[in-house]
Amino acid sequence: WMKPAMDRKGIKNRADQRRIAKYFLREFANRQKKVAKAFPNRLKIAKTSGTLSASDWDNEIHPTKRGFDAVAAKVLAELNKYV
């Protein structure tokens, strides 16, 4: 959970916190893509970024049931490509 760390560093502005979180998520996704490219037969990525709207979040970490269902549907669709 990133918010406590940002609070400790004095990053209290919500817009700044969102920008930082998006940066980290973007970098994580880029690194995942590099690993998937290096191991194409061993790792597949289900693209779920942008799946959830603000109302699909139960809190800053967990989606609502509807949000989880939406993400699960994308993961399942990706898995079904390989069966």
N, C-alpha and C. Protein backbone atom coordinates (compact mmCIF):
# COMPACT_ATOMS: atom_id res chain seq x y z
N TRP A 1 0.85 -1.16 0.00
CA TRP A 1 0.00 0.00 0.00
C TRP A 1 0.89 1.22 0.00
N MET A 2 0.75 2.09 -0.94
CA MET A 2 1.66 3.21 -1.14
C MET A 2 1.30 4.45 -0.33
N LYS A 3 0.05 4.63 0.01
CA LYS A 3 -0.37 5.87 0.66
C LYS A 3 0.38 6.16 1.96
N PRO A 4 0.54 5.21 2.87
CA PRO A 4 1.28 5.52 4.10
C PRO A 4 2.71 5.99 3.82
N ALA A 5 3.36 5.38 2.84
CA ALA A 5 4.72 5.80 2.49
C ALA A 5 4.72 7.22 1.94
N MET A 6 3.75 7.54 1.10
CA MET A 6 3.67 8.90 0.56
C MET A 6 3.35 9.89 1.67
N ASP A 7 2.47 9.51 2.57
CA ASP A 7 2.17 10.39 3.71
C ASP A 7 3.42 10.67 4.53
N ARG A 8 4.21 9.62 4.79
CA ARG A 8 5.44 9.81 5.58
C ARG A 8 6.42 10.73 4.88
N LYS A 9 6.42 10.70 3.55
CA LYS A 9 7.31 11.56 2.78
C LYS A 9 6.73 12.96 2.57
N GLY A 10 5.54 13.20 3.10
CA GLY A 10 4.92 14.53 2.97
C GLY A 10 4.18 14.74 1.67
N ILE A 11 3.92 13.68 0.93
CA ILE A 11 3.17 13.79 -0.33
C ILE A 11 1.70 13.59 0.01
N LYS A 12 1.03 14.69 0.31
CA LYS A 12 -0.35 14.62 0.80
C LYS A 12 -1.40 14.94 -0.27
N ASN A 13 -0.97 15.64 -1.32
CA ASN A 13 -1.90 16.03 -2.37
C ASN A 13 -2.37 14.79 -3.12
N ARG A 14 -3.69 14.58 -3.17
CA ARG A 14 -4.28 13.37 -3.78
C ARG A 14 -3.93 13.25 -5.27
N ALA A 15 -3.91 14.39 -5.97
CA ALA A 15 -3.56 14.34 -7.40
C ALA A 15 -2.12 13.88 -7.57
N ASP A 16 -1.21 14.37 -6.74
CA ASP A 16 0.19 13.92 -6.80
C ASP A 16 0.29 12.44 -6.46
N GLN A 17 -0.46 11.99 -5.47
CA GLN A 17 -0.44 10.58 -5.10
C GLN A 17 -0.91 9.71 -6.26
N ARG A 18 -1.96 10.15 -6.94
CA ARG A 18 -2.47 9.39 -8.08
C ARG A 18 -1.44 9.33 -9.21
N ARG A 19 -0.79 10.46 -9.47
CA ARG A 19 0.23 10.49 -10.54
C ARG A 19 1.38 9.54 -10.21
N ILE A 20 1.80 9.53 -8.96
CA ILE A 20 2.89 8.64 -8.55
C ILE A 20 2.45 7.19 -8.68
N ALA A 21 1.26 6.88 -8.22
CA ALA A 21 0.76 5.50 -8.31
C ALA A 21 0.67 5.06 -9.77
N LYS A 22 0.16 5.92 -10.63
CA LYS A 22 0.06 5.59 -12.06
C LYS A 22 1.43 5.37 -12.66
N TYR A 23 2.41 6.18 -12.26
CA TYR A 23 3.77 6.00 -12.75
C TYR A 23 4.30 4.62 -12.38
N PHE A 24 4.14 4.23 -11.10
CA PHE A 24 4.62 2.93 -10.66
C PHE A 24 3.91 1.79 -11.39
N LEU A 25 2.61 1.92 -11.57
CA LEU A 25 1.86 0.88 -12.28
C LEU A 25 2.31 0.77 -13.74
N ARG A 26 2.55 1.92 -14.37
CA ARG A 26 3.02 1.93 -15.76
C ARG A 26 4.40 1.25 -15.86
N GLU A 27 5.29 1.59 -14.94
CA GLU A 27 6.63 0.98 -14.94
C GLU A 27 6.55 -0.53 -14.68
N PHE A 28 5.69 -0.93 -13.76
CA PHE A 28 5.51 -2.36 -13.48
C PHE A 28 5.02 -3.08 -14.73
N ALA A 29 4.06 -2.50 -15.43
CA ALA A 29 3.52 -3.10 -16.65
C ALA A 29 4.62 -3.20 -17.72
N ASN A 30 5.44 -2.17 -17.85
CA ASN A 30 6.52 -2.20 -18.83
C ASN A 30 7.51 -3.32 -18.51
N ARG A 31 7.81 -3.52 -17.26
CA ARG A 31 8.73 -4.60 -16.87
C ARG A 31 8.10 -5.97 -17.10
N GLN A 32 6.82 -6.08 -16.83
CA GLN A 32 6.13 -7.34 -17.11
C GLN A 32 6.21 -7.67 -18.60
N LYS A 33 6.00 -6.66 -19.44
CA LYS A 33 6.05 -6.88 -20.89
C LYS A 33 7.43 -7.37 -21.32
N LYS A 34 8.48 -6.83 -20.72
CA LYS A 34 9.84 -7.26 -21.05
C LYS A 34 10.05 -8.73 -20.67
N VAL A 35 9.56 -9.11 -19.51
CA VAL A 35 9.70 -10.50 -19.07
C VAL A 35 8.88 -11.41 -20.00
N ALA A 36 7.67 -11.01 -20.33
CA ALA A 36 6.83 -11.81 -21.22
C ALA A 36 7.48 -11.97 -22.60
N LYS A 37 8.12 -10.92 -23.07
CA LYS A 37 8.81 -10.98 -24.37
C LYS A 37 10.00 -11.94 -24.30
N ALA A 38 10.69 -11.94 -23.18
CA ALA A 38 11.85 -12.82 -23.01
C ALA A 38 11.43 -14.29 -22.86
N PHE A 39 10.23 -14.53 -22.36
CA PHE A 39 9.73 -15.88 -22.12
C PHE A 39 8.34 -16.05 -22.74
N PRO A 40 8.25 -15.95 -24.06
CA PRO A 40 6.93 -15.91 -24.70
C PRO A 40 6.07 -17.16 -24.50
N ASN A 41 6.68 -18.28 -24.26
CA ASN A 41 5.89 -19.50 -24.07
C ASN A 41 5.62 -19.81 -22.61
N ARG A 42 6.06 -18.93 -21.72
CA ARG A 42 5.91 -19.21 -20.31
C ARG A 42 5.11 -18.15 -19.56
N LEU A 43 4.94 -16.99 -20.14
CA LEU A 43 4.23 -15.91 -19.45
C LEU A 43 3.32 -15.18 -20.42
N LYS A 44 2.07 -15.07 -20.05
CA LYS A 44 1.09 -14.29 -20.82
C LYS A 44 0.54 -13.23 -19.89
N ILE A 45 0.20 -12.10 -20.44
CA ILE A 45 -0.30 -10.99 -19.64
C ILE A 45 -1.74 -10.68 -20.05
N ALA A 46 -2.61 -10.63 -19.07
CA ALA A 46 -3.98 -10.19 -19.30
C ALA A 46 -4.01 -8.69 -19.05
N LYS A 47 -4.34 -7.94 -20.07
CA LYS A 47 -4.34 -6.47 -19.96
C LYS A 47 -5.62 -6.03 -19.24
N THR A 48 -5.46 -5.63 -17.99
CA THR A 48 -6.61 -5.22 -17.19
C THR A 48 -6.59 -3.73 -16.86
N SER A 49 -5.51 -3.05 -17.20
CA SER A 49 -5.42 -1.62 -16.91
C SER A 49 -6.56 -0.87 -17.59
N GLY A 50 -7.20 -0.01 -16.85
CA GLY A 50 -8.31 0.76 -17.39
C GLY A 50 -9.66 0.04 -17.32
N THR A 51 -9.68 -1.14 -16.75
CA THR A 51 -10.91 -1.92 -16.67
C THR A 51 -11.90 -1.30 -15.68
N LEU A 52 -11.38 -0.78 -14.58
CA LEU A 52 -12.25 -0.31 -13.50
C LEU A 52 -12.46 1.19 -13.53
N SER A 53 -13.69 1.58 -13.24
CA SER A 53 -14.00 3.00 -13.07
C SER A 53 -13.88 3.32 -11.57
N ALA A 54 -14.01 4.57 -11.23
CA ALA A 54 -13.90 4.98 -9.82
C ALA A 54 -14.93 4.26 -8.95
N SER A 55 -16.09 3.97 -9.48
CA SER A 55 -17.13 3.32 -8.69
C SER A 55 -16.89 1.81 -8.51
N ASP A 56 -15.89 1.27 -9.20
CA ASP A 56 -15.58 -0.16 -9.10
C ASP A 56 -14.58 -0.47 -7.98
N TRP A 57 -14.23 0.54 -7.20
CA TRP A 57 -13.26 0.34 -6.12
C TRP A 57 -13.95 0.36 -4.77
N ASP A 58 -13.65 -0.65 -3.95
CA ASP A 58 -14.16 -0.72 -2.58
C ASP A 58 -13.34 0.18 -1.67
N ASN A 59 -12.03 0.22 -1.93
CA ASN A 59 -11.11 1.12 -1.23
C ASN A 59 -9.92 1.34 -2.15
N GLU A 60 -8.87 1.94 -1.67
CA GLU A 60 -7.75 2.28 -2.55
C GLU A 60 -6.93 1.08 -3.02
N ILE A 61 -7.23 -0.10 -2.49
CA ILE A 61 -6.49 -1.30 -2.89
C ILE A 61 -7.39 -2.32 -3.56
N HIS A 62 -8.60 -2.49 -3.06
CA HIS A 62 -9.46 -3.59 -3.47
C HIS A 62 -10.65 -3.12 -4.30
N PRO A 63 -10.89 -3.83 -5.41
CA PRO A 63 -12.10 -3.55 -6.18
C PRO A 63 -13.35 -4.05 -5.44
N THR A 64 -14.48 -3.58 -5.88
CA THR A 64 -15.75 -4.13 -5.42
C THR A 64 -15.93 -5.50 -6.06
N LYS A 65 -16.98 -6.21 -5.70
CA LYS A 65 -17.25 -7.51 -6.34
C LYS A 65 -17.41 -7.31 -7.84
N ARG A 66 -18.12 -6.28 -8.23
CA ARG A 66 -18.30 -6.00 -9.67
C ARG A 66 -16.95 -5.74 -10.33
N GLY A 67 -16.07 -5.01 -9.61
CA GLY A 67 -14.74 -4.75 -10.15
C GLY A 67 -13.92 -6.02 -10.29
N PHE A 68 -13.93 -6.86 -9.25
CA PHE A 68 -13.23 -8.15 -9.33
C PHE A 68 -13.76 -8.98 -10.48
N ASP A 69 -15.08 -8.99 -10.65
CA ASP A 69 -15.69 -9.76 -11.74
C ASP A 69 -15.21 -9.25 -13.10
N ALA A 70 -15.10 -7.94 -13.25
CA ALA A 70 -14.65 -7.36 -14.52
C ALA A 70 -13.20 -7.75 -14.82
N VAL A 71 -12.35 -7.68 -13.80
CA VAL A 71 -10.94 -8.07 -13.99
C VAL A 71 -10.86 -9.57 -14.27
N ALA A 72 -11.60 -10.37 -13.53
CA ALA A 72 -11.59 -11.83 -13.73
C ALA A 72 -12.03 -12.18 -15.15
N ALA A 73 -13.00 -11.47 -15.68
CA ALA A 73 -13.48 -11.74 -17.04
C ALA A 73 -12.36 -11.51 -18.05
N LYS A 74 -11.56 -10.48 -17.85
CA LYS A 74 -10.45 -10.23 -18.78
C LYS A 74 -9.37 -11.29 -18.65
N VAL A 75 -9.09 -11.71 -17.42
CA VAL A 75 -8.09 -12.76 -17.21
C VAL A 75 -8.58 -14.06 -17.84
N LEU A 76 -9.83 -14.40 -17.64
CA LEU A 76 -10.40 -15.62 -18.20
C LEU A 76 -10.37 -15.58 -19.73
N ALA A 77 -10.70 -14.44 -20.31
CA ALA A 77 -10.66 -14.31 -21.77
C ALA A 77 -9.25 -14.54 -22.29
N GLU A 78 -8.25 -14.03 -21.58
CA GLU A 78 -6.86 -14.25 -21.99
C GLU A 78 -6.49 -15.73 -21.85
N LEU A 79 -6.87 -16.35 -20.77
CA LEU A 79 -6.57 -17.77 -20.57
C LEU A 79 -7.23 -18.63 -21.64
N ASN A 80 -8.44 -18.28 -22.02
CA ASN A 80 -9.18 -19.07 -23.02
C ASN A 80 -8.50 -19.06 -24.40
N LYS A 81 -7.62 -18.13 -24.64
CA LYS A 81 -6.89 -18.09 -25.91
C LYS A 81 -5.92 -19.26 -26.03
N TYR A 82 -5.58 -19.86 -24.88
CA TYR A 82 -4.52 -20.87 -24.86
C TYR A 82 -5.02 -22.26 -24.51
N VAL A 83 -6.33 -22.46 -24.51
CA VAL A 83 -6.87 -23.79 -24.21
C VAL A 83 -7.59 -24.36 -25.39
